Amino acid sequence: MGRDLNSNRPLRRLPPQQGLLSLRFTPGGSRLWLQADGILAGPQERLSGGDLSDERIGAERRRRDIGDFFRGARVSPYLKTGTDGIAGTADDLFSLTNETLSQVQARVLPLGATVNGVRIIDDNTRVPLFLRTARYFSLNLNAGFRLTEKSSLNLAVRNVLDTNYRVHGSGIDSPGINIYLGYTLQF
């Protein structure tokens, strides 16, 4: 909840409160260990103007940005020609939603509407996608077995609760539940 005292506004890139709780169990004399980790973060609701425009936090975008993305290489495999049968024209359709670029722009950032507190007046109006970073809790279960003094086999189930979260400032959403199997050899 930091504030810039000079101008009394939220500080830039201030992460929320975060924590890790870990419990490890190793039976006496055993080569096996079991561990549970809880990763948690509180919400960050006080974003600065710079945070709102940062792609990794507020992810500001414009109708023009949607158009640039629509015409880019990542989307081109998903475009199909519209009624005129000519690729690269305004009636091309995004095959996943069967919408033209103007329909996507009108759905996501409609002209004249207010989205996340910003009135959209033209294709250059910047609107943040996120106004806050949500709180989250992620549970991980880990196990390991020491094969020799210098090698071990490890198994982990990460994000067991399949929590949808984004670590503040990372720009990366959680991978969902996942399993990790590893072999460690020390030299």
N, C-alpha and C. Protein backbone atom coordinates (compact mmCIF):
# COMPACT_ATOMS: atom_id res chain seq x y z
N MET A 1 0.82 -1.19 0.00
CA MET A 1 0.00 0.00 0.00
C MET A 1 0.87 1.25 0.00
N GLY A 2 2.06 1.19 -0.57
CA GLY A 2 2.97 2.33 -0.57
C GLY A 2 2.43 3.51 -1.36
N ARG A 3 2.81 4.70 -0.94
CA ARG A 3 2.39 5.92 -1.61
C ARG A 3 3.60 6.81 -1.78
N ASP A 4 3.63 7.50 -2.90
CA ASP A 4 4.64 8.52 -3.16
C ASP A 4 4.21 9.74 -2.34
N LEU A 5 4.94 10.05 -1.26
CA LEU A 5 4.53 11.11 -0.35
C LEU A 5 4.55 12.49 -0.99
N ASN A 6 5.42 12.69 -1.97
CA ASN A 6 5.51 13.99 -2.61
C ASN A 6 4.24 14.33 -3.37
N SER A 7 3.67 13.38 -4.07
CA SER A 7 2.47 13.67 -4.85
C SER A 7 1.24 12.90 -4.37
N ASN A 8 1.41 12.10 -3.31
CA ASN A 8 0.31 11.34 -2.71
C ASN A 8 -0.39 10.44 -3.74
N ARG A 9 0.39 9.70 -4.49
CA ARG A 9 -0.17 8.76 -5.47
C ARG A 9 0.49 7.39 -5.26
N PRO A 10 -0.13 6.31 -5.76
CA PRO A 10 0.47 4.98 -5.58
C PRO A 10 1.84 4.89 -6.24
N LEU A 11 2.75 4.15 -5.59
CA LEU A 11 4.08 3.93 -6.14
C LEU A 11 4.02 3.00 -7.35
N ARG A 12 4.98 3.16 -8.24
CA ARG A 12 5.07 2.34 -9.45
C ARG A 12 5.66 0.98 -9.11
N ARG A 13 5.07 -0.07 -9.69
CA ARG A 13 5.56 -1.46 -9.58
C ARG A 13 5.66 -1.97 -8.14
N LEU A 14 4.80 -1.50 -7.28
CA LEU A 14 4.80 -1.97 -5.90
C LEU A 14 4.04 -3.29 -5.83
N PRO A 15 4.72 -4.39 -5.49
CA PRO A 15 4.03 -5.68 -5.45
C PRO A 15 3.13 -5.77 -4.22
N PRO A 16 2.15 -6.65 -4.26
CA PRO A 16 1.30 -6.86 -3.08
C PRO A 16 2.05 -7.69 -2.05
N GLN A 17 1.46 -7.82 -0.87
CA GLN A 17 2.05 -8.68 0.16
C GLN A 17 2.02 -10.12 -0.36
N GLN A 18 3.10 -10.84 -0.10
CA GLN A 18 3.24 -12.20 -0.61
C GLN A 18 3.82 -13.09 0.47
N GLY A 19 3.60 -14.38 0.34
CA GLY A 19 4.14 -15.30 1.32
C GLY A 19 4.25 -16.71 0.79
N LEU A 20 5.04 -17.50 1.48
CA LEU A 20 5.23 -18.91 1.16
C LEU A 20 5.21 -19.68 2.47
N LEU A 21 4.39 -20.68 2.54
CA LEU A 21 4.33 -21.55 3.69
C LEU A 21 4.70 -22.95 3.20
N SER A 22 5.68 -23.56 3.85
CA SER A 22 6.16 -24.85 3.39
C SER A 22 6.28 -25.81 4.57
N LEU A 23 5.84 -27.03 4.36
CA LEU A 23 5.93 -28.06 5.39
C LEU A 23 6.57 -29.29 4.74
N ARG A 24 7.68 -29.75 5.34
CA ARG A 24 8.41 -30.89 4.78
C ARG A 24 8.48 -32.00 5.82
N PHE A 25 8.24 -33.21 5.36
CA PHE A 25 8.26 -34.38 6.24
C PHE A 25 9.26 -35.39 5.69
N THR A 26 10.21 -35.76 6.53
CA THR A 26 11.19 -36.79 6.18
C THR A 26 11.18 -37.82 7.31
N PRO A 27 10.60 -39.00 7.05
CA PRO A 27 10.60 -40.03 8.10
C PRO A 27 12.02 -40.35 8.54
N GLY A 28 12.23 -40.57 9.83
CA GLY A 28 13.55 -40.82 10.39
C GLY A 28 14.32 -41.91 9.65
N GLY A 29 15.53 -41.58 9.18
CA GLY A 29 16.38 -42.53 8.50
C GLY A 29 15.93 -42.90 7.09
N SER A 30 14.90 -42.29 6.61
CA SER A 30 14.35 -42.63 5.30
C SER A 30 15.00 -41.80 4.19
N ARG A 31 15.01 -42.33 3.01
CA ARG A 31 15.51 -41.59 1.84
C ARG A 31 14.38 -40.85 1.13
N LEU A 32 13.16 -40.94 1.67
CA LEU A 32 11.97 -40.32 1.09
C LEU A 32 11.66 -39.02 1.82
N TRP A 33 11.19 -38.02 1.08
CA TRP A 33 10.68 -36.80 1.70
C TRP A 33 9.39 -36.37 1.00
N LEU A 34 8.52 -35.75 1.73
CA LEU A 34 7.25 -35.23 1.23
C LEU A 34 7.16 -33.76 1.64
N GLN A 35 6.61 -32.94 0.78
CA GLN A 35 6.55 -31.51 1.08
C GLN A 35 5.29 -30.89 0.47
N ALA A 36 4.69 -29.98 1.20
CA ALA A 36 3.55 -29.21 0.70
C ALA A 36 3.93 -27.73 0.81
N ASP A 37 3.70 -26.99 -0.26
CA ASP A 37 3.99 -25.55 -0.30
C ASP A 37 2.71 -24.80 -0.60
N GLY A 38 2.48 -23.74 0.11
CA GLY A 38 1.38 -22.84 -0.18
C GLY A 38 1.95 -21.48 -0.55
N ILE A 39 1.68 -21.02 -1.75
CA ILE A 39 2.15 -19.72 -2.21
C ILE A 39 0.93 -18.80 -2.23
N LEU A 40 1.05 -17.65 -1.59
CA LEU A 40 -0.09 -16.75 -1.54
C LEU A 40 0.33 -15.31 -1.77
N ALA A 41 -0.60 -14.54 -2.29
CA ALA A 41 -0.39 -13.12 -2.50
C ALA A 41 -1.71 -12.40 -2.28
N GLY A 42 -1.62 -11.24 -1.69
CA GLY A 42 -2.81 -10.41 -1.51
C GLY A 42 -3.09 -9.64 -2.78
N PRO A 43 -4.20 -8.93 -2.81
CA PRO A 43 -4.52 -8.13 -4.00
C PRO A 43 -3.67 -6.87 -4.04
N GLN A 44 -3.45 -6.35 -5.23
CA GLN A 44 -2.83 -5.02 -5.38
C GLN A 44 -3.86 -4.18 -6.13
N GLU A 45 -4.51 -3.32 -5.38
CA GLU A 45 -5.59 -2.51 -5.95
C GLU A 45 -5.19 -1.06 -6.19
N ARG A 46 -3.99 -0.69 -5.78
CA ARG A 46 -3.54 0.68 -5.92
C ARG A 46 -2.46 0.74 -6.99
N LEU A 47 -2.87 0.77 -8.24
CA LEU A 47 -1.93 0.80 -9.35
C LEU A 47 -1.68 2.24 -9.77
N SER A 48 -0.44 2.55 -10.08
CA SER A 48 -0.08 3.87 -10.58
C SER A 48 -0.46 3.97 -12.06
N GLY A 49 -0.42 5.17 -12.61
CA GLY A 49 -0.67 5.34 -14.04
C GLY A 49 0.29 4.52 -14.88
N GLY A 50 1.55 4.45 -14.44
CA GLY A 50 2.54 3.65 -15.16
C GLY A 50 2.23 2.16 -15.10
N ASP A 51 1.68 1.71 -13.97
CA ASP A 51 1.29 0.30 -13.84
C ASP A 51 0.15 -0.04 -14.79
N LEU A 52 -0.81 0.88 -14.91
CA LEU A 52 -1.96 0.64 -15.78
C LEU A 52 -1.54 0.51 -17.25
N SER A 53 -0.49 1.24 -17.64
CA SER A 53 -0.02 1.16 -19.02
C SER A 53 0.99 0.04 -19.25
N ASP A 54 1.55 -0.51 -18.19
CA ASP A 54 2.54 -1.58 -18.29
C ASP A 54 1.88 -2.85 -18.82
N GLU A 55 2.42 -3.44 -19.88
CA GLU A 55 1.84 -4.65 -20.48
C GLU A 55 1.77 -5.81 -19.51
N ARG A 56 2.65 -5.81 -18.51
CA ARG A 56 2.69 -6.93 -17.57
C ARG A 56 1.74 -6.75 -16.40
N ILE A 57 1.16 -5.55 -16.23
CA ILE A 57 0.30 -5.29 -15.07
C ILE A 57 -1.10 -4.87 -15.53
N GLY A 58 -1.26 -3.65 -16.02
CA GLY A 58 -2.57 -3.15 -16.43
C GLY A 58 -2.91 -3.47 -17.86
N ALA A 59 -1.89 -3.64 -18.68
CA ALA A 59 -2.05 -4.05 -20.09
C ALA A 59 -2.96 -3.12 -20.88
N GLU A 60 -2.64 -1.83 -20.88
CA GLU A 60 -3.41 -0.88 -21.67
C GLU A 60 -3.40 -1.26 -23.14
N ARG A 61 -4.54 -1.08 -23.80
CA ARG A 61 -4.60 -1.33 -25.24
C ARG A 61 -5.57 -0.36 -25.88
N ARG A 62 -5.45 -0.22 -27.20
CA ARG A 62 -6.29 0.67 -27.99
C ARG A 62 -6.97 -0.16 -29.08
N ARG A 63 -7.99 0.40 -29.67
CA ARG A 63 -8.62 -0.26 -30.83
C ARG A 63 -7.58 -0.45 -31.93
N ARG A 64 -6.68 0.51 -32.06
CA ARG A 64 -5.62 0.42 -33.07
C ARG A 64 -4.68 -0.77 -32.78
N ASP A 65 -4.41 -1.03 -31.50
CA ASP A 65 -3.57 -2.18 -31.12
C ASP A 65 -4.25 -3.49 -31.50
N ILE A 66 -5.55 -3.55 -31.33
CA ILE A 66 -6.31 -4.75 -31.72
C ILE A 66 -6.17 -4.97 -33.22
N GLY A 67 -6.25 -3.87 -33.99
CA GLY A 67 -6.09 -3.96 -35.45
C GLY A 67 -4.71 -4.43 -35.84
N ASP A 68 -3.67 -3.91 -35.17
CA ASP A 68 -2.30 -4.33 -35.45
C ASP A 68 -2.12 -5.82 -35.16
N PHE A 69 -2.69 -6.27 -34.05
CA PHE A 69 -2.59 -7.68 -33.69
C PHE A 69 -3.34 -8.55 -34.70
N PHE A 70 -4.53 -8.09 -35.09
CA PHE A 70 -5.38 -8.82 -36.04
C PHE A 70 -4.66 -9.02 -37.37
N ARG A 71 -3.87 -8.04 -37.78
CA ARG A 71 -3.16 -8.12 -39.06
C ARG A 71 -1.77 -8.77 -38.93
N GLY A 72 -1.39 -9.16 -37.72
CA GLY A 72 -0.06 -9.72 -37.48
C GLY A 72 0.07 -11.19 -37.82
N ALA A 73 1.30 -11.66 -37.74
CA ALA A 73 1.63 -13.04 -38.13
C ALA A 73 1.00 -14.09 -37.23
N ARG A 74 0.77 -13.77 -35.95
CA ARG A 74 0.21 -14.78 -35.05
C ARG A 74 -1.25 -15.07 -35.35
N VAL A 75 -1.97 -14.10 -35.89
CA VAL A 75 -3.40 -14.28 -36.16
C VAL A 75 -3.64 -14.77 -37.58
N SER A 76 -2.74 -14.48 -38.50
CA SER A 76 -2.97 -14.79 -39.92
C SER A 76 -3.39 -16.24 -40.20
N PRO A 77 -2.89 -17.24 -39.48
CA PRO A 77 -3.37 -18.60 -39.75
C PRO A 77 -4.85 -18.80 -39.41
N TYR A 78 -5.42 -17.91 -38.62
CA TYR A 78 -6.80 -18.04 -38.18
C TYR A 78 -7.76 -17.12 -38.96
N LEU A 79 -7.25 -16.46 -40.00
CA LEU A 79 -8.10 -15.59 -40.80
C LEU A 79 -8.59 -16.33 -42.04
N LYS A 80 -9.83 -16.08 -42.38
CA LYS A 80 -10.38 -16.63 -43.62
C LYS A 80 -11.01 -15.47 -44.40
N THR A 81 -11.04 -15.62 -45.70
CA THR A 81 -11.57 -14.54 -46.53
C THR A 81 -13.06 -14.37 -46.28
N GLY A 82 -13.50 -13.12 -46.41
CA GLY A 82 -14.92 -12.81 -46.23
C GLY A 82 -15.70 -13.02 -47.50
N THR A 83 -16.80 -12.31 -47.62
CA THR A 83 -17.71 -12.49 -48.76
C THR A 83 -17.09 -12.11 -50.09
N ASP A 84 -16.10 -11.20 -50.09
CA ASP A 84 -15.48 -10.81 -51.37
C ASP A 84 -14.47 -11.85 -51.87
N GLY A 85 -14.10 -12.83 -51.01
CA GLY A 85 -13.18 -13.88 -51.42
C GLY A 85 -11.73 -13.44 -51.56
N ILE A 86 -11.41 -12.21 -51.15
CA ILE A 86 -10.05 -11.68 -51.28
C ILE A 86 -9.43 -11.55 -49.89
N ALA A 87 -8.25 -12.15 -49.72
CA ALA A 87 -7.55 -12.06 -48.44
C ALA A 87 -7.00 -10.66 -48.22
N GLY A 88 -6.96 -10.25 -46.95
CA GLY A 88 -6.37 -8.96 -46.60
C GLY A 88 -7.31 -7.78 -46.73
N THR A 89 -8.61 -8.04 -46.79
CA THR A 89 -9.58 -6.95 -46.88
C THR A 89 -10.39 -6.85 -45.58
N ALA A 90 -11.18 -5.80 -45.46
CA ALA A 90 -11.90 -5.50 -44.22
C ALA A 90 -12.93 -6.56 -43.85
N ASP A 91 -13.35 -7.40 -44.80
CA ASP A 91 -14.36 -8.40 -44.47
C ASP A 91 -13.77 -9.76 -44.10
N ASP A 92 -12.43 -9.83 -43.96
CA ASP A 92 -11.81 -11.08 -43.52
C ASP A 92 -12.34 -11.44 -42.13
N LEU A 93 -12.48 -12.73 -41.87
CA LEU A 93 -13.05 -13.21 -40.62
C LEU A 93 -12.02 -13.93 -39.76
N PHE A 94 -12.06 -13.67 -38.47
CA PHE A 94 -11.26 -14.41 -37.50
C PHE A 94 -12.02 -15.71 -37.28
N SER A 95 -11.46 -16.83 -37.73
CA SER A 95 -12.21 -18.09 -37.79
C SER A 95 -12.67 -18.60 -36.43
N LEU A 96 -12.00 -18.25 -35.35
CA LEU A 96 -12.39 -18.77 -34.04
C LEU A 96 -13.68 -18.14 -33.53
N THR A 97 -13.95 -16.89 -33.93
CA THR A 97 -15.18 -16.22 -33.48
C THR A 97 -16.09 -15.85 -34.64
N ASN A 98 -15.60 -16.03 -35.86
CA ASN A 98 -16.34 -15.67 -37.07
C ASN A 98 -16.70 -14.18 -37.10
N GLU A 99 -15.75 -13.33 -36.66
CA GLU A 99 -15.95 -11.89 -36.62
C GLU A 99 -14.92 -11.19 -37.49
N THR A 100 -15.32 -10.03 -38.04
CA THR A 100 -14.37 -9.17 -38.74
C THR A 100 -13.60 -8.36 -37.70
N LEU A 101 -12.55 -7.68 -38.14
CA LEU A 101 -11.78 -6.83 -37.24
C LEU A 101 -12.68 -5.78 -36.61
N SER A 102 -13.50 -5.12 -37.38
CA SER A 102 -14.35 -4.06 -36.82
C SER A 102 -15.34 -4.63 -35.80
N GLN A 103 -15.79 -5.86 -35.99
CA GLN A 103 -16.69 -6.48 -35.02
C GLN A 103 -15.95 -6.81 -33.72
N VAL A 104 -14.71 -7.28 -33.83
CA VAL A 104 -13.91 -7.55 -32.63
C VAL A 104 -13.66 -6.25 -31.87
N GLN A 105 -13.27 -5.19 -32.58
CA GLN A 105 -13.03 -3.89 -31.93
C GLN A 105 -14.30 -3.37 -31.26
N ALA A 106 -15.44 -3.52 -31.92
CA ALA A 106 -16.71 -3.04 -31.35
C ALA A 106 -17.12 -3.85 -30.13
N ARG A 107 -16.76 -5.12 -30.10
CA ARG A 107 -17.08 -5.96 -28.94
C ARG A 107 -16.16 -5.66 -27.77
N VAL A 108 -14.86 -5.52 -28.03
CA VAL A 108 -13.88 -5.35 -26.95
C VAL A 108 -13.80 -3.90 -26.46
N LEU A 109 -13.73 -2.96 -27.39
CA LEU A 109 -13.62 -1.53 -27.04
C LEU A 109 -14.59 -0.72 -27.90
N PRO A 110 -15.88 -0.75 -27.58
CA PRO A 110 -16.86 -0.05 -28.41
C PRO A 110 -16.72 1.47 -28.31
N LEU A 111 -16.75 2.14 -29.45
CA LEU A 111 -16.68 3.60 -29.48
C LEU A 111 -17.84 4.19 -28.69
N GLY A 112 -17.53 5.22 -27.88
CA GLY A 112 -18.54 5.90 -27.08
C GLY A 112 -18.82 5.25 -25.74
N ALA A 113 -18.36 4.02 -25.54
CA ALA A 113 -18.60 3.31 -24.28
C ALA A 113 -17.53 3.69 -23.26
N THR A 114 -17.81 3.41 -22.00
CA THR A 114 -16.83 3.58 -20.94
C THR A 114 -16.42 2.18 -20.47
N VAL A 115 -15.15 1.86 -20.61
CA VAL A 115 -14.62 0.55 -20.23
C VAL A 115 -13.52 0.78 -19.20
N ASN A 116 -13.64 0.13 -18.05
CA ASN A 116 -12.68 0.28 -16.95
C ASN A 116 -12.40 1.74 -16.62
N GLY A 117 -13.45 2.54 -16.62
CA GLY A 117 -13.34 3.94 -16.23
C GLY A 117 -12.85 4.89 -17.32
N VAL A 118 -12.65 4.40 -18.54
CA VAL A 118 -12.15 5.24 -19.63
C VAL A 118 -13.20 5.30 -20.73
N ARG A 119 -13.54 6.51 -21.15
CA ARG A 119 -14.49 6.69 -22.25
C ARG A 119 -13.72 6.56 -23.57
N ILE A 120 -14.19 5.68 -24.45
CA ILE A 120 -13.51 5.41 -25.72
C ILE A 120 -14.03 6.38 -26.76
N ILE A 121 -13.14 7.30 -27.19
CA ILE A 121 -13.57 8.32 -28.15
C ILE A 121 -13.07 8.06 -29.56
N ASP A 122 -11.96 7.31 -29.69
CA ASP A 122 -11.45 6.99 -31.03
C ASP A 122 -10.54 5.76 -30.95
N ASP A 123 -9.91 5.43 -32.06
CA ASP A 123 -9.06 4.23 -32.12
C ASP A 123 -7.78 4.36 -31.31
N ASN A 124 -7.46 5.55 -30.82
CA ASN A 124 -6.23 5.77 -30.06
C ASN A 124 -6.45 5.89 -28.56
N THR A 125 -7.69 5.75 -28.10
CA THR A 125 -7.97 5.83 -26.67
C THR A 125 -7.41 4.60 -25.97
N ARG A 126 -6.56 4.82 -24.97
CA ARG A 126 -5.93 3.73 -24.23
C ARG A 126 -6.81 3.31 -23.06
N VAL A 127 -7.05 1.99 -22.97
CA VAL A 127 -7.90 1.44 -21.91
C VAL A 127 -7.15 0.29 -21.23
N PRO A 128 -7.00 0.35 -19.89
CA PRO A 128 -6.34 -0.77 -19.21
C PRO A 128 -7.23 -2.01 -19.19
N LEU A 129 -6.63 -3.15 -19.40
CA LEU A 129 -7.36 -4.41 -19.34
C LEU A 129 -7.62 -4.79 -17.88
N PHE A 130 -6.65 -4.51 -17.01
CA PHE A 130 -6.75 -4.85 -15.59
C PHE A 130 -6.60 -3.58 -14.75
N LEU A 131 -7.44 -3.44 -13.74
CA LEU A 131 -7.36 -2.31 -12.81
C LEU A 131 -6.75 -2.73 -11.48
N ARG A 132 -6.49 -4.03 -11.33
CA ARG A 132 -5.94 -4.55 -10.08
C ARG A 132 -5.30 -5.91 -10.36
N THR A 133 -4.47 -6.35 -9.45
CA THR A 133 -3.95 -7.70 -9.47
C THR A 133 -4.68 -8.46 -8.37
N ALA A 134 -5.31 -9.55 -8.71
CA ALA A 134 -6.13 -10.29 -7.75
C ALA A 134 -5.28 -11.09 -6.77
N ARG A 135 -5.85 -11.37 -5.61
CA ARG A 135 -5.18 -12.24 -4.63
C ARG A 135 -5.25 -13.67 -5.13
N TYR A 136 -4.33 -14.50 -4.62
CA TYR A 136 -4.38 -15.91 -5.00
C TYR A 136 -3.69 -16.77 -3.97
N PHE A 137 -4.00 -18.07 -4.03
CA PHE A 137 -3.34 -19.09 -3.22
C PHE A 137 -3.11 -20.29 -4.13
N SER A 138 -1.90 -20.77 -4.17
CA SER A 138 -1.56 -21.93 -4.99
C SER A 138 -0.91 -22.99 -4.10
N LEU A 139 -1.37 -24.21 -4.24
CA LEU A 139 -0.86 -25.32 -3.44
C LEU A 139 -0.02 -26.24 -4.32
N ASN A 140 1.18 -26.58 -3.85
CA ASN A 140 2.09 -27.49 -4.56
C ASN A 140 2.40 -28.67 -3.65
N LEU A 141 2.42 -29.86 -4.22
CA LEU A 141 2.80 -31.07 -3.49
C LEU A 141 4.06 -31.64 -4.14
N ASN A 142 5.05 -31.93 -3.31
CA ASN A 142 6.35 -32.40 -3.80
C ASN A 142 6.76 -33.66 -3.05
N ALA A 143 7.48 -34.52 -3.74
CA ALA A 143 8.04 -35.71 -3.11
C ALA A 143 9.38 -36.01 -3.76
N GLY A 144 10.24 -36.63 -3.00
CA GLY A 144 11.54 -37.00 -3.54
C GLY A 144 12.04 -38.28 -2.90
N PHE A 145 12.88 -38.95 -3.64
CA PHE A 145 13.48 -40.18 -3.13
C PHE A 145 14.96 -40.16 -3.49
N ARG A 146 15.82 -40.19 -2.46
CA ARG A 146 17.26 -40.19 -2.69
C ARG A 146 17.69 -41.60 -3.10
N LEU A 147 18.17 -41.72 -4.36
CA LEU A 147 18.60 -43.02 -4.88
C LEU A 147 19.98 -43.38 -4.37
N THR A 148 20.90 -42.41 -4.45
CA THR A 148 22.26 -42.56 -3.93
C THR A 148 22.59 -41.26 -3.21
N GLU A 149 23.81 -41.16 -2.72
CA GLU A 149 24.21 -39.94 -2.02
C GLU A 149 24.20 -38.73 -2.95
N LYS A 150 24.38 -38.96 -4.25
CA LYS A 150 24.46 -37.84 -5.19
C LYS A 150 23.35 -37.80 -6.24
N SER A 151 22.33 -38.64 -6.09
CA SER A 151 21.24 -38.61 -7.08
C SER A 151 19.90 -38.82 -6.39
N SER A 152 18.88 -38.23 -6.99
CA SER A 152 17.53 -38.37 -6.43
C SER A 152 16.49 -38.27 -7.54
N LEU A 153 15.35 -38.80 -7.25
CA LEU A 153 14.20 -38.75 -8.14
C LEU A 153 13.17 -37.84 -7.47
N ASN A 154 12.60 -36.89 -8.23
CA ASN A 154 11.68 -35.92 -7.67
C ASN A 154 10.37 -35.91 -8.45
N LEU A 155 9.27 -35.72 -7.75
CA LEU A 155 7.95 -35.63 -8.35
C LEU A 155 7.23 -34.46 -7.69
N ALA A 156 6.55 -33.65 -8.50
CA ALA A 156 5.79 -32.53 -7.96
C ALA A 156 4.50 -32.37 -8.73
N VAL A 157 3.47 -32.03 -8.03
CA VAL A 157 2.21 -31.63 -8.64
C VAL A 157 2.04 -30.16 -8.24
N ARG A 158 2.12 -29.27 -9.23
CA ARG A 158 2.08 -27.83 -8.98
C ARG A 158 0.68 -27.30 -9.24
N ASN A 159 0.32 -26.30 -8.47
CA ASN A 159 -0.98 -25.64 -8.59
C ASN A 159 -2.10 -26.67 -8.53
N VAL A 160 -2.08 -27.49 -7.49
CA VAL A 160 -3.03 -28.59 -7.31
C VAL A 160 -4.48 -28.11 -7.39
N LEU A 161 -4.76 -26.91 -6.89
CA LEU A 161 -6.13 -26.39 -6.87
C LEU A 161 -6.53 -25.76 -8.21
N ASP A 162 -5.62 -25.80 -9.19
CA ASP A 162 -5.85 -25.24 -10.52
C ASP A 162 -6.29 -23.77 -10.45
N THR A 163 -5.59 -23.01 -9.62
CA THR A 163 -5.90 -21.60 -9.40
C THR A 163 -5.47 -20.77 -10.60
N ASN A 164 -6.34 -19.89 -11.05
CA ASN A 164 -6.01 -18.96 -12.13
C ASN A 164 -5.43 -17.71 -11.48
N TYR A 165 -4.14 -17.44 -11.70
CA TYR A 165 -3.53 -16.26 -11.10
C TYR A 165 -2.43 -15.71 -11.99
N ARG A 166 -2.05 -14.49 -11.69
CA ARG A 166 -0.94 -13.83 -12.37
C ARG A 166 -0.06 -13.21 -11.30
N VAL A 167 1.22 -13.60 -11.27
CA VAL A 167 2.16 -12.98 -10.34
C VAL A 167 2.30 -11.52 -10.75
N HIS A 168 2.09 -10.61 -9.81
CA HIS A 168 2.09 -9.17 -10.09
C HIS A 168 3.36 -8.76 -10.82
N GLY A 169 3.20 -8.09 -11.94
CA GLY A 169 4.33 -7.57 -12.69
C GLY A 169 5.00 -8.56 -13.63
N SER A 170 4.53 -9.81 -13.65
CA SER A 170 5.18 -10.82 -14.49
C SER A 170 4.60 -10.84 -15.90
N GLY A 171 3.31 -10.53 -16.04
CA GLY A 171 2.65 -10.62 -17.34
C GLY A 171 2.37 -12.04 -17.77
N ILE A 172 2.57 -12.99 -16.85
CA ILE A 172 2.38 -14.41 -17.18
C ILE A 172 1.30 -14.98 -16.29
N ASP A 173 0.29 -15.58 -16.91
CA ASP A 173 -0.78 -16.22 -16.14
C ASP A 173 -0.34 -17.60 -15.69
N SER A 174 -0.97 -18.09 -14.63
CA SER A 174 -0.60 -19.39 -14.06
C SER A 174 -0.74 -20.50 -15.10
N PRO A 175 0.11 -21.51 -15.02
CA PRO A 175 0.03 -22.60 -16.00
C PRO A 175 -1.07 -23.60 -15.72
N GLY A 176 -1.83 -23.43 -14.65
CA GLY A 176 -2.83 -24.43 -14.29
C GLY A 176 -2.15 -25.60 -13.60
N ILE A 177 -2.90 -26.63 -13.34
CA ILE A 177 -2.32 -27.80 -12.67
C ILE A 177 -1.29 -28.44 -13.61
N ASN A 178 -0.13 -28.80 -13.06
CA ASN A 178 0.89 -29.44 -13.88
C ASN A 178 1.71 -30.39 -13.04
N ILE A 179 2.33 -31.32 -13.71
CA ILE A 179 3.12 -32.37 -13.04
C ILE A 179 4.56 -32.29 -13.51
N TYR A 180 5.46 -32.45 -12.56
CA TYR A 180 6.88 -32.36 -12.83
C TYR A 180 7.54 -33.65 -12.33
N LEU A 181 8.34 -34.26 -13.17
CA LEU A 181 9.11 -35.43 -12.80
C LEU A 181 10.56 -35.13 -13.15
N GLY A 182 11.44 -35.30 -12.19
CA GLY A 182 12.83 -34.94 -12.45
C GLY A 182 13.81 -35.91 -11.81
N TYR A 183 15.00 -35.89 -12.35
CA TYR A 183 16.12 -36.67 -11.82
C TYR A 183 17.25 -35.70 -11.56
N THR A 184 17.79 -35.73 -10.36
CA THR A 184 18.87 -34.82 -9.99
C THR A 184 20.15 -35.62 -9.77
N LEU A 185 21.21 -35.17 -10.42
CA LEU A 185 22.53 -35.77 -10.26
C LEU A 185 23.50 -34.67 -9.85
N GLN A 186 24.12 -34.82 -8.70
CA GLN A 186 25.07 -33.83 -8.21
C GLN A 186 26.49 -34.28 -8.49
N PHE A 187 27.32 -33.31 -8.86
CA PHE A 187 28.73 -33.63 -9.13
C PHE A 187 29.61 -33.16 -8.00
